[in-house]
Amino acid sequence: MTRGERATEAPPPLAASTAFVLRLPAGISETDRLAVEEPLEIRIDGRAIAVTMRTPGHDEELAVGFCLSEGIRARGARLPDDFAANTVDVDVDGPFDREAVQRNFYTSSSCGVCGKGALEAVAVSAHPVESELRVPLSLVASLPDRLRAEQAAFAATGGLHATGLFDAAGSLLCVREDVGRHNALDKVIGWAHAAGLLPLWDHVLCVSGRLSFELVQKAAVVGCPLIVAVGAPSSFAVELAQDRGITLCGFVRDGHANVYTEPWRLET
């Protein structure tokens, strides 16, 4: 593979920790590996716009991906001038509505996103996806297993979500893992931005769990026409995918897929 990165490399050194566990009913006490969860403060112009709980690693990608999915024209990210721990500064082009971003972040973080207003907010920052991408069902059905094979940190801890980015031919370009499924996607978006691949009109995103509204929202903002998931979508995720013209595939396993929206993109 000439583009992207393989997650079969060792996971980031801060992604896993250890703890003692008592295994019952055997009564065996031993160490176990756990996924690390720590806060990351995302700043613009030295001021925080969000704090997200994440697994350390690829923090700059996460910060850029978060900003892009919130409609902020991020150029890149760097360590802050004061070298504050668990903090990233994002450089942006042009003004943005700081209060709206903070309100959206805290609302979605508390599971308060709902209703017509949320769809209207997405419509402002994400045009309908008009990509003519078509892919074989066999390719789609293969993606979850291929993603799982690249989840090095999950293999070590069993406690991380993952997002994989594939091109139209099914080549794996990037895999990112995180304790938060939305963070894993933001990291992939940040990587794709640095690689010059946005918008993702000719690409496929595959996620390791269920499909929430927030994941579809982020995919819509970066123009991805097809999302594949091992688990189920929520009703609001399906509604948003219909509204933005995105093909949503859930329960993808063993050669089968449930296609909830825009099924014309899958060739059987």
Protein backbone atom coordinates (compact mmCIF):
# COMPACT_ATOMS: atom_id res chain seq x y z
CA MET A 1 0.00 0.00 0.00
CA THR A 2 1.53 3.30 -1.09
CA ARG A 3 -0.80 5.73 0.67
CA GLY A 4 -2.03 5.82 4.25
CA GLU A 5 -0.80 4.06 7.31
CA ARG A 6 -1.22 0.53 8.65
CA ALA A 7 -2.50 0.03 12.17
CA THR A 8 -0.64 -3.27 12.35
CA GLU A 9 2.19 -1.08 13.59
CA ALA A 10 2.42 -0.88 17.39
CA PRO A 11 -0.38 1.22 18.89
CA PRO A 12 0.59 4.65 20.26
CA PRO A 13 2.58 4.16 23.49
CA LEU A 14 0.00 6.03 25.61
CA ALA A 15 -3.02 4.17 24.21
CA ALA A 16 -2.91 1.28 26.68
CA SER A 17 -2.37 0.99 30.41
CA THR A 18 -2.43 -1.86 32.94
CA ALA A 19 -4.54 -2.69 35.99
CA PHE A 20 -4.97 -5.67 38.28
CA VAL A 21 -8.05 -7.77 37.64
CA LEU A 22 -9.59 -10.65 39.58
CA ARG A 23 -10.89 -13.26 37.16
CA LEU A 24 -13.91 -15.15 38.52
CA PRO A 25 -14.83 -17.88 39.16
CA ALA A 26 -11.22 -19.00 38.71
CA GLY A 27 -10.03 -16.62 41.46
CA ILE A 28 -6.94 -15.64 39.47
CA SER A 29 -5.46 -12.18 40.05
CA GLU A 30 -3.32 -10.81 37.25
CA THR A 31 -2.64 -7.68 35.20
CA ASP A 32 -4.89 -6.66 32.34
CA ARG A 33 -4.42 -4.06 29.61
CA LEU A 34 -6.93 -1.20 29.43
CA ALA A 35 -7.58 1.51 26.88
CA VAL A 36 -6.39 4.89 28.14
CA GLU A 37 -8.96 7.68 28.40
CA GLU A 38 -7.78 11.23 29.06
CA PRO A 39 -9.13 14.72 28.30
CA LEU A 40 -7.91 16.75 25.33
CA GLU A 41 -8.50 20.49 25.27
CA ILE A 42 -8.85 21.89 21.74
CA ARG A 43 -7.92 25.57 21.47
CA ILE A 44 -8.18 28.25 18.80
CA ASP A 45 -6.29 31.50 19.33
CA GLY A 46 -5.29 30.25 22.76
CA ARG A 47 -8.87 29.78 23.95
CA ALA A 48 -10.60 26.46 24.49
CA ILE A 49 -13.52 25.58 22.23
CA ALA A 50 -13.98 21.96 23.37
CA VAL A 51 -12.70 19.32 25.76
CA THR A 52 -13.14 15.74 24.63
CA MET A 53 -12.28 12.47 26.36
CA ARG A 54 -9.98 10.58 24.03
CA THR A 55 -7.26 7.96 23.77
CA PRO A 56 -3.89 9.74 23.42
CA GLY A 57 -2.29 9.53 19.99
CA HIS A 58 -2.80 11.47 16.75
CA ASP A 59 -4.10 14.42 18.81
CA GLU A 60 -3.38 16.96 16.07
CA GLU A 61 -5.45 14.94 13.59
CA LEU A 62 -8.27 14.71 16.13
CA ALA A 63 -8.29 18.46 16.71
CA VAL A 64 -8.27 19.30 13.00
CA GLY A 65 -10.95 16.70 12.23
CA PHE A 66 -13.15 18.02 15.02
CA CYS A 67 -12.87 21.58 13.74
CA LEU A 68 -13.53 20.63 10.11
CA SER A 69 -16.62 18.64 11.09
CA GLU A 70 -17.88 21.71 12.96
CA GLY A 71 -17.50 23.87 9.85
CA ILE A 72 -14.29 25.58 10.99
CA ARG A 73 -11.67 26.03 8.25
CA ALA A 74 -8.74 24.46 10.03
CA ARG A 75 -5.28 24.57 8.43
CA GLY A 76 -3.43 22.43 10.92
CA ALA A 77 -2.76 21.83 14.61
CA ARG A 78 0.27 22.04 16.91
CA LEU A 79 1.35 21.92 20.51
CA PRO A 80 0.35 25.10 22.34
CA ASP A 81 2.89 27.83 22.97
CA ASP A 82 2.65 27.23 26.72
CA PHE A 83 3.24 23.46 26.24
CA ALA A 84 0.16 22.67 28.35
CA ALA A 85 -0.39 18.91 28.67
CA ASN A 86 -3.32 17.31 26.85
CA THR A 87 -3.87 20.47 24.82
CA VAL A 88 -3.72 21.22 21.08
CA ASP A 89 -3.87 24.59 19.31
CA VAL A 90 -5.59 24.69 15.93
CA ASP A 91 -4.71 27.26 13.25
CA VAL A 92 -7.75 28.37 11.24
CA ASP A 93 -8.56 30.48 8.20
CA GLY A 94 -11.14 33.16 8.74
CA PRO A 95 -13.65 33.88 11.50
CA PHE A 96 -16.06 31.38 13.02
CA ASP A 97 -18.92 31.42 15.52
CA ARG A 98 -17.17 30.32 18.71
CA GLU A 99 -20.34 30.29 20.79
CA ALA A 100 -22.18 28.14 18.25
CA VAL A 101 -19.35 25.59 18.14
CA GLN A 102 -19.18 25.39 21.92
CA ARG A 103 -22.97 25.10 22.16
CA ASN A 104 -23.07 22.33 19.54
CA PHE A 105 -20.25 20.46 21.26
CA TYR A 106 -21.73 20.52 24.74
CA THR A 107 -25.21 19.70 23.45
CA SER A 108 -24.04 16.65 21.50
CA SER A 109 -21.75 15.55 24.33
CA SER A 110 -24.73 15.42 26.67
CA CYS A 111 -26.83 13.50 24.12
CA GLY A 112 -29.06 16.53 23.63
CA VAL A 113 -28.95 16.64 19.84
CA CYS A 114 -32.42 16.04 18.49
CA GLY A 115 -35.12 17.23 16.16
CA LYS A 116 -35.47 19.40 13.12
CA GLY A 117 -33.05 22.04 14.38
CA ALA A 118 -30.13 19.62 14.28
CA LEU A 119 -30.86 18.67 10.66
CA GLU A 120 -31.02 22.33 9.73
CA ALA A 121 -27.69 22.97 11.45
CA VAL A 122 -26.04 20.18 9.46
CA ALA A 123 -27.54 21.50 6.23
CA VAL A 124 -25.73 24.80 6.76
CA SER A 125 -22.28 23.19 6.89
CA ALA A 126 -22.81 20.13 4.68
CA HIS A 127 -24.14 20.17 1.14
CA PRO A 128 -26.00 17.08 -0.09
CA VAL A 129 -23.51 14.42 -1.16
CA GLU A 130 -23.88 14.09 -4.94
CA SER A 131 -21.10 11.56 -5.51
CA GLU A 132 -21.74 8.95 -8.21
CA LEU A 133 -19.60 6.38 -6.39
CA ARG A 134 -20.74 2.77 -6.87
CA VAL A 135 -19.05 -0.24 -5.27
CA PRO A 136 -19.71 -4.00 -5.24
CA LEU A 137 -21.52 -5.48 -2.27
CA SER A 138 -18.64 -7.94 -1.93
CA LEU A 139 -16.25 -5.04 -1.32
CA VAL A 140 -18.52 -3.47 1.30
CA ALA A 141 -19.03 -6.81 3.05
CA SER A 142 -15.26 -7.31 3.37
CA LEU A 143 -14.52 -4.00 5.09
CA PRO A 144 -15.40 -4.74 8.76
CA ASP A 145 -13.16 -7.80 8.89
CA ARG A 146 -10.34 -5.91 7.22
CA LEU A 147 -10.77 -3.05 9.68
CA ARG A 148 -10.75 -5.42 12.65
CA ALA A 149 -7.52 -7.02 11.42
CA GLU A 150 -5.82 -3.59 11.58
CA GLN A 151 -6.96 -2.65 15.10
CA ALA A 152 -3.73 -3.09 17.01
CA ALA A 153 -4.84 -1.20 20.11
CA PHE A 154 -8.17 -3.06 20.23
CA ALA A 155 -6.31 -6.34 20.06
CA ALA A 156 -4.30 -5.25 23.10
CA THR A 157 -7.16 -3.84 25.19
CA GLY A 158 -10.54 -4.84 23.74
CA GLY A 159 -11.76 -1.34 24.59
CA LEU A 160 -11.40 0.90 21.54
CA HIS A 161 -13.53 1.95 18.59
CA ALA A 162 -12.04 2.31 15.12
CA THR A 163 -12.67 4.09 11.83
CA GLY A 164 -11.09 3.06 8.55
CA LEU A 165 -10.89 5.06 5.33
CA PHE A 166 -10.95 3.10 2.06
CA ASP A 167 -10.73 4.24 -1.53
CA ALA A 168 -13.19 3.20 -4.26
CA ALA A 169 -11.12 0.12 -5.09
CA GLY A 170 -11.15 -1.04 -1.48
CA SER A 171 -7.58 -0.08 -0.61
CA LEU A 172 -7.16 0.79 3.06
CA LEU A 173 -5.73 4.29 3.42
CA CYS A 174 -5.92 5.02 7.14
CA VAL A 175 -7.10 3.44 10.41
CA ARG A 176 -7.50 5.30 13.68
CA GLU A 177 -8.62 4.00 17.07
CA ASP A 178 -10.02 5.80 20.10
CA VAL A 179 -12.13 5.22 23.19
CA GLY A 180 -14.70 7.54 21.53
CA ARG A 181 -16.14 6.50 18.16
CA HIS A 182 -16.52 10.15 17.12
CA ASN A 183 -12.87 10.81 18.02
CA ALA A 184 -11.72 7.91 15.84
CA LEU A 185 -13.58 9.44 12.89
CA ASP A 186 -12.22 12.92 13.63
CA LYS A 187 -8.68 11.49 13.58
CA VAL A 188 -9.32 9.97 10.14
CA ILE A 189 -10.76 13.27 8.89
CA GLY A 190 -7.70 15.10 10.20
CA TRP A 191 -5.42 12.61 8.45
CA ALA A 192 -7.37 12.96 5.18
CA HIS A 193 -7.11 16.75 5.40
CA ALA A 194 -3.33 16.57 5.76
CA ALA A 195 -3.18 14.09 2.86
CA GLY A 196 -5.15 16.44 0.59
CA LEU A 197 -8.05 13.98 0.14
CA LEU A 198 -10.97 16.16 1.23
CA PRO A 199 -13.77 16.12 0.23
CA LEU A 200 -14.15 12.32 0.37
CA TRP A 201 -16.44 11.99 -2.66
CA ASP A 202 -14.76 8.79 -3.89
CA HIS A 203 -14.14 7.12 -0.54
CA VAL A 204 -15.80 4.80 1.96
CA LEU A 205 -15.76 5.07 5.74
CA CYS A 206 -16.04 1.93 7.88
CA VAL A 207 -16.70 2.08 11.64
CA SER A 208 -16.33 -0.71 14.15
CA GLY A 209 -19.56 -0.22 16.09
CA ARG A 210 -22.95 1.37 15.68
CA LEU A 211 -23.80 4.44 13.60
CA SER A 212 -24.90 7.51 15.52
CA PHE A 213 -26.16 10.86 14.27
CA GLU A 214 -22.80 12.47 15.06
CA LEU A 215 -20.87 10.05 12.86
CA VAL A 216 -23.17 10.61 9.89
CA GLN A 217 -22.98 14.35 10.48
CA LYS A 218 -19.18 14.31 10.33
CA ALA A 219 -19.20 12.15 7.20
CA ALA A 220 -21.67 14.54 5.55
CA VAL A 221 -19.51 17.58 6.25
CA VAL A 222 -16.51 15.99 4.51
CA GLY A 223 -18.64 14.71 1.61
CA CYS A 224 -18.32 10.95 2.14
CA PRO A 225 -21.04 9.10 0.16
CA LEU A 226 -20.89 5.66 1.83
CA ILE A 227 -20.62 4.60 5.48
CA VAL A 228 -20.29 0.97 6.56
CA ALA A 229 -20.81 -0.27 10.12
CA VAL A 230 -20.70 -3.54 12.00
CA GLY A 231 -23.60 -2.46 14.20
CA ALA A 232 -26.95 -0.74 13.89
CA PRO A 233 -27.69 2.85 12.91
CA SER A 234 -29.93 5.02 15.04
CA SER A 235 -33.18 6.35 13.61
CA PHE A 236 -31.78 9.86 13.49
CA ALA A 237 -28.64 8.68 11.71
CA VAL A 238 -30.83 7.17 8.99
CA GLU A 239 -32.90 10.35 8.77
CA LEU A 240 -29.79 12.48 8.33
CA ALA A 241 -28.31 10.08 5.73
CA GLN A 242 -31.53 10.29 3.73
CA ASP A 243 -31.48 14.08 3.95
CA ARG A 244 -27.86 14.36 2.78
CA GLY A 245 -27.89 11.56 0.16
CA ILE A 246 -25.49 9.22 1.97
CA THR A 247 -25.59 5.43 1.63
CA LEU A 248 -25.79 3.88 5.10
CA CYS A 249 -24.97 0.18 5.60
CA GLY A 250 -25.40 -1.50 8.99
CA PHE A 251 -24.98 -5.03 10.34
CA VAL A 252 -22.32 -5.67 7.68
CA ARG A 253 -20.99 -9.16 8.32
CA ASP A 254 -20.70 -12.62 6.73
CA GLY A 255 -21.31 -11.27 3.23
CA HIS A 256 -24.55 -9.48 4.19
CA ALA A 257 -25.51 -5.84 4.71
CA ASN A 258 -28.61 -3.92 5.71
CA VAL A 259 -28.78 -0.88 3.42
CA TYR A 260 -30.92 1.85 4.97
CA THR A 261 -30.46 4.69 2.47
CA GLU A 262 -29.38 5.25 -1.13
CA PRO A 263 -28.99 1.53 -2.02
CA TRP A 264 -28.22 2.34 -5.69
CA ARG A 265 -24.54 2.80 -4.77
CA LEU A 266 -24.18 -0.95 -4.07
CA GLU A 267 -23.79 -3.32 -7.00
CA THR A 268 -24.86 -6.91 -6.35
